[in-house]
Amino acid sequence: MSSGLTRTVTVVNAEGLHARPSGALVAVAQGFQSELRISCEDREVNGRSILELISLGAKCGTELELCATGDDAEALLERLVAMVASGFEELV
């Protein structure tokens, strides 16, 4: 994992990190200047790439490590942690 601020989150929505939550995550990341890398097990991907995020195959219960580097890294991570904790608003 690259240097920067990190947070560990657990995917809580039943369907995991599929296309819609990946797209939502990318949309948030694009609103910030900081670089975002996301790790799952032994893989690390660009947090601004929907296809790379989907390729992680993160299912419900999977831990993700979010790493942001840049001036607004703290704000970016706070927003993403809340988004993942809410189950990408897919929890019913």
PDB file of N, CA and C in Angstrom:
ATOM      1  N   MET A   1       0.856  -1.177   0.000  1.00  0.00           N
ATOM      2  CA  MET A   1       0.000   0.000   0.000  1.00  0.00           C
ATOM      3  C   MET A   1       0.894   1.228   0.000  1.00  0.00           C
ATOM      4  N   SER A   2       0.544   2.206  -0.801  1.00  0.00           N
ATOM      5  CA  SER A   2       1.328   3.422  -0.898  1.00  0.00           C
ATOM      6  C   SER A   2       1.203   4.240   0.386  1.00  0.00           C
ATOM      7  N   SER A   3       2.138   5.194   0.593  1.00  0.00           N
ATOM      8  CA  SER A   3       2.078   6.023   1.788  1.00  0.00           C
ATOM      9  C   SER A   3       0.915   6.997   1.682  1.00  0.00           C
ATOM     10  N   GLY A   4       0.437   7.440   2.816  1.00  0.00           N
ATOM     11  CA  GLY A   4      -0.705   8.340   2.861  1.00  0.00           C
ATOM     12  C   GLY A   4      -1.566   7.975   4.045  1.00  0.00           C
ATOM     13  N   LEU A   5      -2.722   8.586   4.152  1.00  0.00           N
ATOM     14  CA  LEU A   5      -3.669   8.260   5.212  1.00  0.00           C
ATOM     15  C   LEU A   5      -4.431   6.998   4.832  1.00  0.00           C
ATOM     16  N   THR A   6      -4.655   6.121   5.795  1.00  0.00           N
ATOM     17  CA  THR A   6      -5.375   4.882   5.498  1.00  0.00           C
ATOM     18  C   THR A   6      -6.522   4.669   6.475  1.00  0.00           C
ATOM     19  N   ARG A   7      -7.527   3.980   5.997  1.00  0.00           N
ATOM     20  CA  ARG A   7      -8.665   3.548   6.811  1.00  0.00           C
ATOM     21  C   ARG A   7      -9.034   2.143   6.338  1.00  0.00           C
ATOM     22  N   THR A   8      -9.449   1.315   7.267  1.00  0.00           N
ATOM     23  CA  THR A   8      -9.924  -0.018   6.925  1.00  0.00           C
ATOM     24  C   THR A   8     -11.429  -0.038   7.123  1.00  0.00           C
ATOM     25  N   VAL A   9     -12.132  -0.545   6.122  1.00  0.00           N
ATOM     26  CA  VAL A   9     -13.591  -0.620   6.168  1.00  0.00           C
ATOM     27  C   VAL A   9     -14.010  -2.038   5.810  1.00  0.00           C
ATOM     28  N   THR A  10     -15.226  -2.394   6.211  1.00  0.00           N
ATOM     29  CA  THR A  10     -15.784  -3.703   5.880  1.00  0.00           C
ATOM     30  C   THR A  10     -17.006  -3.493   4.999  1.00  0.00           C
ATOM     31  N   VAL A  11     -17.046  -4.205   3.888  1.00  0.00           N
ATOM     32  CA  VAL A  11     -18.192  -4.136   2.982  1.00  0.00           C
ATOM     33  C   VAL A  11     -19.369  -4.777   3.703  1.00  0.00           C
ATOM     34  N   VAL A  12     -20.479  -4.012   3.859  1.00  0.00           N
ATOM     35  CA  VAL A  12     -21.629  -4.520   4.615  1.00  0.00           C
ATOM     36  C   VAL A  12     -22.862  -4.770   3.759  1.00  0.00           C
ATOM     37  N   ASN A  13     -22.875  -4.247   2.538  1.00  0.00           N
ATOM     38  CA  ASN A  13     -24.058  -4.496   1.705  1.00  0.00           C
ATOM     39  C   ASN A  13     -24.021  -5.917   1.151  1.00  0.00           C
ATOM     40  N   ALA A  14     -25.176  -6.534   1.048  1.00  0.00           N
ATOM     41  CA  ALA A  14     -25.288  -7.951   0.698  1.00  0.00           C
ATOM     42  C   ALA A  14     -24.658  -8.308  -0.643  1.00  0.00           C
ATOM     43  N   GLU A  15     -24.733  -7.420  -1.604  1.00  0.00           N
ATOM     44  CA  GLU A  15     -24.226  -7.711  -2.947  1.00  0.00           C
ATOM     45  C   GLU A  15     -22.739  -7.398  -3.130  1.00  0.00           C
ATOM     46  N   GLY A  16     -22.104  -6.827  -2.129  1.00  0.00           N
ATOM     47  CA  GLY A  16     -20.683  -6.528  -2.219  1.00  0.00           C
ATOM     48  C   GLY A  16     -20.391  -5.332  -3.118  1.00  0.00           C
ATOM     49  N   LEU A  17     -19.160  -5.251  -3.564  1.00  0.00           N
ATOM     50  CA  LEU A  17     -18.692  -4.114  -4.356  1.00  0.00           C
ATOM     51  C   LEU A  17     -18.920  -4.390  -5.842  1.00  0.00           C
ATOM     52  N   HIS A  18     -20.192  -4.312  -6.256  1.00  0.00           N
ATOM     53  CA  HIS A  18     -20.549  -4.541  -7.659  1.00  0.00           C
ATOM     54  C   HIS A  18     -20.541  -3.201  -8.390  1.00  0.00           C
ATOM     55  N   ALA A  19     -21.132  -3.132  -9.565  1.00  0.00           N
ATOM     56  CA  ALA A  19     -21.025  -1.940 -10.427  1.00  0.00           C
ATOM     57  C   ALA A  19     -21.566  -0.662  -9.803  1.00  0.00           C
ATOM     58  N   ARG A  20     -22.760  -0.708  -9.195  1.00  0.00           N
ATOM     59  CA  ARG A  20     -23.339   0.526  -8.668  1.00  0.00           C
ATOM     60  C   ARG A  20     -22.519   1.116  -7.526  1.00  0.00           C
ATOM     61  N   PRO A  21     -22.172   0.335  -6.491  1.00  0.00           N
ATOM     62  CA  PRO A  21     -21.361   0.925  -5.426  1.00  0.00           C
ATOM     63  C   PRO A  21     -19.960   1.325  -5.908  1.00  0.00           C
ATOM     64  N   SER A  22     -19.411   0.573  -6.845  1.00  0.00           N
ATOM     65  CA  SER A  22     -18.100   0.955  -7.393  1.00  0.00           C
ATOM     66  C   SER A  22     -18.198   2.305  -8.101  1.00  0.00           C
ATOM     67  N   GLY A  23     -19.268   2.492  -8.872  1.00  0.00           N
ATOM     68  CA  GLY A  23     -19.480   3.759  -9.558  1.00  0.00           C
ATOM     69  C   GLY A  23     -19.670   4.911  -8.585  1.00  0.00           C
ATOM     70  N   ALA A  24     -20.402   4.656  -7.508  1.00  0.00           N
ATOM     71  CA  ALA A  24     -20.621   5.691  -6.493  1.00  0.00           C
ATOM     72  C   ALA A  24     -19.314   6.061  -5.811  1.00  0.00           C
ATOM     73  N   LEU A  25     -18.497   5.068  -5.533  1.00  0.00           N
ATOM     74  CA  LEU A  25     -17.203   5.298  -4.910  1.00  0.00           C
ATOM     75  C   LEU A  25     -16.310   6.145  -5.820  1.00  0.00           C
ATOM     76  N   VAL A  26     -16.278   5.806  -7.091  1.00  0.00           N
ATOM     77  CA  VAL A  26     -15.479   6.557  -8.070  1.00  0.00           C
ATOM     78  C   VAL A  26     -15.994   7.991  -8.190  1.00  0.00           C
ATOM     79  N   ALA A  27     -17.304   8.167  -8.208  1.00  0.00           N
ATOM     80  CA  ALA A  27     -17.878   9.508  -8.320  1.00  0.00           C
ATOM     81  C   ALA A  27     -17.442  10.391  -7.150  1.00  0.00           C
ATOM     82  N   VAL A  28     -17.432   9.829  -5.952  1.00  0.00           N
ATOM     83  CA  VAL A  28     -16.967  10.592  -4.790  1.00  0.00           C
ATOM     84  C   VAL A  28     -15.485  10.904  -4.936  1.00  0.00           C
ATOM     85  N   ALA A  29     -14.684   9.915  -5.297  1.00  0.00           N
ATOM     86  CA  ALA A  29     -13.233  10.114  -5.430  1.00  0.00           C
ATOM     87  C   ALA A  29     -12.909  11.206  -6.441  1.00  0.00           C
ATOM     88  N   GLN A  30     -13.689  11.287  -7.496  1.00  0.00           N
ATOM     89  CA  GLN A  30     -13.425  12.284  -8.528  1.00  0.00           C
ATOM     90  C   GLN A  30     -13.730  13.703  -8.058  1.00  0.00           C
ATOM     91  N   GLY A  31     -14.473  13.845  -6.973  1.00  0.00           N
ATOM     92  CA  GLY A  31     -14.761  15.154  -6.418  1.00  0.00           C
ATOM     93  C   GLY A  31     -13.656  15.686  -5.522  1.00  0.00           C
ATOM     94  N   PHE A  32     -12.603  14.909  -5.354  1.00  0.00           N
ATOM     95  CA  PHE A  32     -11.469  15.291  -4.508  1.00  0.00           C
ATOM     96  C   PHE A  32     -10.197  15.279  -5.342  1.00  0.00           C
ATOM     97  N   GLN A  33      -9.203  16.007  -4.879  1.00  0.00           N
ATOM     98  CA  GLN A  33      -7.932  16.051  -5.599  1.00  0.00           C
ATOM     99  C   GLN A  33      -7.005  14.897  -5.232  1.00  0.00           C
ATOM    100  N   SER A  34      -7.175  14.347  -4.056  1.00  0.00           N
ATOM    101  CA  SER A  34      -6.264  13.305  -3.569  1.00  0.00           C
ATOM    102  C   SER A  34      -6.307  12.051  -4.418  1.00  0.00           C
ATOM    103  N   GLU A  35      -5.180  11.378  -4.465  1.00  0.00           N
ATOM    104  CA  GLU A  35      -5.095  10.067  -5.121  1.00  0.00           C
ATOM    105  C   GLU A  35      -5.716   9.048  -4.178  1.00  0.00           C
ATOM    106  N   LEU A  36      -6.395   8.049  -4.731  1.00  0.00           N
ATOM    107  CA  LEU A  36      -7.034   7.011  -3.927  1.00  0.00           C
ATOM    108  C   LEU A  36      -6.627   5.645  -4.433  1.00  0.00           C
ATOM    109  N   ARG A  37      -6.112   4.827  -3.521  1.00  0.00           N
ATOM    110  CA  ARG A  37      -5.794   3.427  -3.817  1.00  0.00           C
ATOM    111  C   ARG A  37      -6.615   2.580  -2.859  1.00  0.00           C
ATOM    112  N   ILE A  38      -7.116   1.451  -3.344  1.00  0.00           N
ATOM    113  CA  ILE A  38      -7.919   0.555  -2.516  1.00  0.00           C
ATOM    114  C   ILE A  38      -7.328  -0.841  -2.592  1.00  0.00           C
ATOM    115  N   SER A  39      -7.111  -1.434  -1.419  1.00  0.00           N
ATOM    116  CA  SER A  39      -6.539  -2.774  -1.340  1.00  0.00           C
ATOM    117  C   SER A  39      -7.545  -3.755  -0.767  1.00  0.00           C
ATOM    118  N   CYS A  40      -7.479  -4.963  -1.290  1.00  0.00           N
ATOM    119  CA  CYS A  40      -8.318  -6.067  -0.833  1.00  0.00           C
ATOM    120  C   CYS A  40      -7.461  -7.318  -0.925  1.00  0.00           C
ATOM    121  N   GLU A  41      -7.196  -7.921   0.228  1.00  0.00           N
ATOM    122  CA  GLU A  41      -6.307  -9.074   0.287  1.00  0.00           C
ATOM    123  C   GLU A  41      -4.953  -8.682  -0.303  1.00  0.00           C
ATOM    124  N   ASP A  42      -4.496  -9.319  -1.365  1.00  0.00           N
ATOM    125  CA  ASP A  42      -3.174  -9.029  -1.919  1.00  0.00           C
ATOM    126  C   ASP A  42      -3.209  -8.113  -3.136  1.00  0.00           C
ATOM    127  N   ARG A  43      -4.367  -7.515  -3.432  1.00  0.00           N
ATOM    128  CA  ARG A  43      -4.502  -6.679  -4.630  1.00  0.00           C
ATOM    129  C   ARG A  43      -4.715  -5.227  -4.247  1.00  0.00           C
ATOM    130  N   GLU A  44      -4.127  -4.346  -5.031  1.00  0.00           N
ATOM    131  CA  GLU A  44      -4.316  -2.911  -4.853  1.00  0.00           C
ATOM    132  C   GLU A  44      -4.718  -2.312  -6.189  1.00  0.00           C
ATOM    133  N   VAL A  45      -5.762  -1.473  -6.181  1.00  0.00           N
ATOM    134  CA  VAL A  45      -6.266  -0.892  -7.421  1.00  0.00           C
ATOM    135  C   VAL A  45      -6.431   0.614  -7.280  1.00  0.00           C
ATOM    136  N   ASN A  46      -6.596   1.264  -8.413  1.00  0.00           N
ATOM    137  CA  ASN A  46      -6.874   2.687  -8.481  1.00  0.00           C
ATOM    138  C   ASN A  46      -8.326   2.915  -8.059  1.00  0.00           C
ATOM    139  N   GLY A  47      -8.538   3.748  -7.055  1.00  0.00           N
ATOM    140  CA  GLY A  47      -9.868   4.009  -6.543  1.00  0.00           C
ATOM    141  C   GLY A  47     -10.719   4.882  -7.452  1.00  0.00           C
ATOM    142  N   ARG A  48     -10.170   5.296  -8.582  1.00  0.00           N
ATOM    143  CA  ARG A  48     -10.920   6.095  -9.552  1.00  0.00           C
ATOM    144  C   ARG A  48     -11.296   5.276 -10.785  1.00  0.00           C
ATOM    145  N   SER A  49     -11.150   3.949 -10.708  1.00  0.00           N
ATOM    146  CA  SER A  49     -11.455   3.078 -11.832  1.00  0.00           C
ATOM    147  C   SER A  49     -12.547   2.075 -11.447  1.00  0.00           C
ATOM    148  N   ILE A  50     -13.711   2.223 -12.047  1.00  0.00           N
ATOM    149  CA  ILE A  50     -14.817   1.310 -11.751  1.00  0.00           C
ATOM    150  C   ILE A  50     -14.416  -0.134 -12.056  1.00  0.00           C
ATOM    151  N   LEU A  51     -13.811  -0.362 -13.199  1.00  0.00           N
ATOM    152  CA  LEU A  51     -13.449  -1.734 -13.581  1.00  0.00           C
ATOM    153  C   LEU A  51     -12.445  -2.350 -12.613  1.00  0.00           C
ATOM    154  N   GLU A  52     -11.468  -1.556 -12.176  1.00  0.00           N
ATOM    155  CA  GLU A  52     -10.490  -2.090 -11.233  1.00  0.00           C
ATOM    156  C   GLU A  52     -11.154  -2.406  -9.894  1.00  0.00           C
ATOM    157  N   LEU A  53     -12.076  -1.558  -9.448  1.00  0.00           N
ATOM    158  CA  LEU A  53     -12.770  -1.825  -8.185  1.00  0.00           C
ATOM    159  C   LEU A  53     -13.598  -3.102  -8.277  1.00  0.00           C
ATOM    160  N   ILE A  54     -14.344  -3.253  -9.361  1.00  0.00           N
ATOM    161  CA  ILE A  54     -15.157  -4.463  -9.537  1.00  0.00           C
ATOM    162  C   ILE A  54     -14.264  -5.706  -9.562  1.00  0.00           C
ATOM    163  N   SER A  55     -13.077  -5.568 -10.158  1.00  0.00           N
ATOM    164  CA  SER A  55     -12.170  -6.722 -10.274  1.00  0.00           C
ATOM    165  C   SER A  55     -11.691  -7.233  -8.921  1.00  0.00           C
ATOM    166  N   LEU A  56     -11.845  -6.438  -7.860  1.00  0.00           N
ATOM    167  CA  LEU A  56     -11.450  -6.911  -6.530  1.00  0.00           C
ATOM    168  C   LEU A  56     -12.349  -8.046  -6.053  1.00  0.00           C
ATOM    169  N   GLY A  57     -13.579  -8.108  -6.573  1.00  0.00           N
ATOM    170  CA  GLY A  57     -14.501  -9.169  -6.173  1.00  0.00           C
ATOM    171  C   GLY A  57     -14.853  -9.122  -4.697  1.00  0.00           C
ATOM    172  N   ALA A  58     -14.917  -7.926  -4.119  1.00  0.00           N
ATOM    173  CA  ALA A  58     -15.176  -7.771  -2.685  1.00  0.00           C
ATOM    174  C   ALA A  58     -16.639  -8.086  -2.369  1.00  0.00           C
ATOM    175  N   LYS A  59     -16.824  -9.128  -1.595  1.00  0.00           N
ATOM    176  CA  LYS A  59     -18.158  -9.562  -1.197  1.00  0.00           C
ATOM    177  C   LYS A  59     -18.493  -8.997   0.183  1.00  0.00           C
ATOM    178  N   CYS A  60     -19.715  -9.181   0.621  1.00  0.00           N
ATOM    179  CA  CYS A  60     -20.128  -8.759   1.955  1.00  0.00           C
ATOM    180  C   CYS A  60     -19.181  -9.384   2.988  1.00  0.00           C
ATOM    181  N   GLY A  61     -18.692  -8.572   3.913  1.00  0.00           N
ATOM    182  CA  GLY A  61     -17.770  -9.046   4.942  1.00  0.00           C
ATOM    183  C   GLY A  61     -16.310  -8.853   4.600  1.00  0.00           C
ATOM    184  N   THR A  62     -16.014  -8.480   3.368  1.00  0.00           N
ATOM    185  CA  THR A  62     -14.638  -8.276   2.936  1.00  0.00           C
ATOM    186  C   THR A  62     -14.097  -6.962   3.496  1.00  0.00           C
ATOM    187  N   GLU A  63     -12.859  -6.987   3.976  1.00  0.00           N
ATOM    188  CA  GLU A  63     -12.214  -5.758   4.430  1.00  0.00           C
ATOM    189  C   GLU A  63     -11.482  -5.104   3.273  1.00  0.00           C
ATOM    190  N   LEU A  64     -11.640  -3.793   3.173  1.00  0.00           N
ATOM    191  CA  LEU A  64     -10.933  -2.989   2.185  1.00  0.00           C
ATOM    192  C   LEU A  64     -10.053  -1.999   2.924  1.00  0.00           C
ATOM    193  N   GLU A  65      -8.870  -1.767   2.415  1.00  0.00           N
ATOM    194  CA  GLU A  65      -8.016  -0.719   2.962  1.00  0.00           C
ATOM    195  C   GLU A  65      -8.016   0.432   1.969  1.00  0.00           C
ATOM    196  N   LEU A  66      -8.432   1.601   2.441  1.00  0.00           N
ATOM    197  CA  LEU A  66      -8.486   2.800   1.623  1.00  0.00           C
ATOM    198  C   LEU A  66      -7.263   3.641   1.958  1.00  0.00           C
ATOM    199  N   CYS A  67      -6.543   4.088   0.940  1.00  0.00           N
ATOM    200  CA  CYS A  67      -5.369   4.926   1.152  1.00  0.00           C
ATOM    201  C   CYS A  67      -5.479   6.147   0.257  1.00  0.00           C
ATOM    202  N   ALA A  68      -5.467   7.321   0.879  1.00  0.00           N
ATOM    203  CA  ALA A  68      -5.564   8.570   0.129  1.00  0.00           C
ATOM    204  C   ALA A  68      -4.331   9.412   0.396  1.00  0.00           C
ATOM    205  N   THR A  69      -3.830  10.034  -0.675  1.00  0.00           N
ATOM    206  CA  THR A  69      -2.662  10.887  -0.585  1.00  0.00           C
ATOM    207  C   THR A  69      -2.987  12.217  -1.244  1.00  0.00           C
ATOM    208  N   GLY A  70      -2.848  13.300  -0.492  1.00  0.00           N
ATOM    209  CA  GLY A  70      -3.104  14.626  -1.040  1.00  0.00           C
ATOM    210  C   GLY A  70      -3.660  15.556   0.018  1.00  0.00           C
ATOM    211  N   ASP A  71      -3.886  16.800  -0.376  1.00  0.00           N
ATOM    212  CA  ASP A  71      -4.324  17.831   0.558  1.00  0.00           C
ATOM    213  C   ASP A  71      -5.687  17.566   1.175  1.00  0.00           C
ATOM    214  N   ASP A  72      -6.582  16.929   0.451  1.00  0.00           N
ATOM    215  CA  ASP A  72      -7.925  16.674   0.971  1.00  0.00           C
ATOM    216  C   ASP A  72      -8.155  15.192   1.294  1.00  0.00           C
ATOM    217  N   ALA A  73      -7.057  14.486   1.583  1.00  0.00           N
ATOM    218  CA  ALA A  73      -7.124  13.041   1.842  1.00  0.00           C
ATOM    219  C   ALA A  73      -8.031  12.706   3.017  1.00  0.00           C
ATOM    220  N   GLU A  74      -7.942  13.468   4.107  1.00  0.00           N
ATOM    221  CA  GLU A  74      -8.756  13.184   5.295  1.00  0.00           C
ATOM    222  C   GLU A  74     -10.241  13.302   4.973  1.00  0.00           C
ATOM    223  N   ALA A  75     -10.630  14.353   4.284  1.00  0.00           N
ATOM    224  CA  ALA A  75     -12.042  14.551   3.925  1.00  0.00           C
ATOM    225  C   ALA A  75     -12.533  13.448   2.992  1.00  0.00           C
ATOM    226  N   LEU A  76     -11.693  13.057   2.040  1.00  0.00           N
ATOM    227  CA  LEU A  76     -12.051  11.980   1.120  1.00  0.00           C
ATOM    228  C   LEU A  76     -12.293  10.682   1.884  1.00  0.00           C
ATOM    229  N   LEU A  77     -11.380  10.339   2.773  1.00  0.00           N
ATOM    230  CA  LEU A  77     -11.529   9.089   3.521  1.00  0.00           C
ATOM    231  C   LEU A  77     -12.753   9.119   4.432  1.00  0.00           C
ATOM    232  N   GLU A  78     -13.021  10.258   5.069  1.00  0.00           N
ATOM    233  CA  GLU A  78     -14.212  10.355   5.923  1.00  0.00           C
ATOM    234  C   GLU A  78     -15.476  10.088   5.111  1.00  0.00           C
ATOM    235  N   ARG A  79     -15.530  10.663   3.942  1.00  0.00           N
ATOM    236  CA  ARG A  79     -16.712  10.488   3.071  1.00  0.00           C
ATOM    237  C   ARG A  79     -16.864   9.028   2.640  1.00  0.00           C
ATOM    238  N   LEU A  80     -15.745   8.403   2.253  1.00  0.00           N
ATOM    239  CA  LEU A  80     -15.803   7.008   1.794  1.00  0.00           C
ATOM    240  C   LEU A  80     -16.125   6.034   2.921  1.00  0.00           C
ATOM    241  N   VAL A  81     -15.568   6.269   4.098  1.00  0.00           N
ATOM    242  CA  VAL A  81     -15.856   5.404   5.245  1.00  0.00           C
ATOM    243  C   VAL A  81     -17.352   5.439   5.545  1.00  0.00           C
ATOM    244  N   ALA A  82     -17.948   6.627   5.534  1.00  0.00           N
ATOM    245  CA  ALA A  82     -19.390   6.752   5.783  1.00  0.00           C
ATOM    246  C   ALA A  82     -20.189   6.051   4.693  1.00  0.00           C
ATOM    247  N   MET A  83     -19.744   6.170   3.445  1.00  0.00           N
ATOM    248  CA  MET A  83     -20.443   5.552   2.327  1.00  0.00           C
ATOM    249  C   MET A  83     -20.431   4.027   2.444  1.00  0.00           C
ATOM    250  N   VAL A  84     -19.278   3.462   2.744  1.00  0.00           N
ATOM    251  CA  VAL A  84     -19.176   2.007   2.871  1.00  0.00           C
ATOM    252  C   VAL A  84     -19.989   1.531   4.080  1.00  0.00           C
ATOM    253  N   ALA A  85     -19.898   2.255   5.203  1.00  0.00           N
ATOM    254  CA  ALA A  85     -20.629   1.881   6.416  1.00  0.00           C
ATOM    255  C   ALA A  85     -22.141   1.894   6.200  1.00  0.00           C
ATOM    256  N   SER A  86     -22.612   2.763   5.307  1.00  0.00           N
ATOM    257  CA  SER A  86     -24.049   2.830   5.014  1.00  0.00           C
ATOM    258  C   SER A  86     -24.489   1.718   4.069  1.00  0.00           C
ATOM    259  N   GLY A  87     -23.554   0.890   3.640  1.00  0.00           N
ATOM    260  CA  GLY A  87     -23.878  -0.177   2.696  1.00  0.00           C
ATOM    261  C   GLY A  87     -24.183   0.393   1.329  1.00  0.00           C
ATOM    262  N   PHE A  88     -23.554   1.549   1.027  1.00  0.00           N
ATOM    263  CA  PHE A  88     -23.803   2.243  -0.238  1.00  0.00           C
ATOM    264  C   PHE A  88     -25.290   2.509  -0.393  1.00  0.00           C
ATOM    265  N   GLU A  89     -25.960   2.673   0.773  1.00  0.00           N
ATOM    266  CA  GLU A  89     -27.397   2.922   0.835  1.00  0.00           C
ATOM    267  C   GLU A  89     -28.225   1.809   0.192  1.00  0.00           C
ATOM    268  N   GLU A  90     -27.657   0.595   0.156  1.00  0.00           N
ATOM    269  CA  GLU A  90     -28.383  -0.563  -0.391  1.00  0.00           C
ATOM    270  C   GLU A  90     -29.031  -1.396   0.704  1.00  0.00           C
ATOM    271  N   LEU A  91     -28.717  -1.098   1.965  1.00  0.00           N
ATOM    272  CA  LEU A  91     -29.304  -1.873   3.061  1.00  0.00           C
ATOM    273  C   LEU A  91     -30.772  -1.524   3.179  1.00  0.00           C
ATOM    274  N   VAL A  92     -31.574  -2.519   3.402  1.00  0.00           N
ATOM    275  CA  VAL A  92     -33.020  -2.280   3.504  1.00  0.00           C
ATOM    276  C   VAL A  92     -33.482  -2.620   4.911  1.00  0.00           C
TER     277      VAL A  92
END
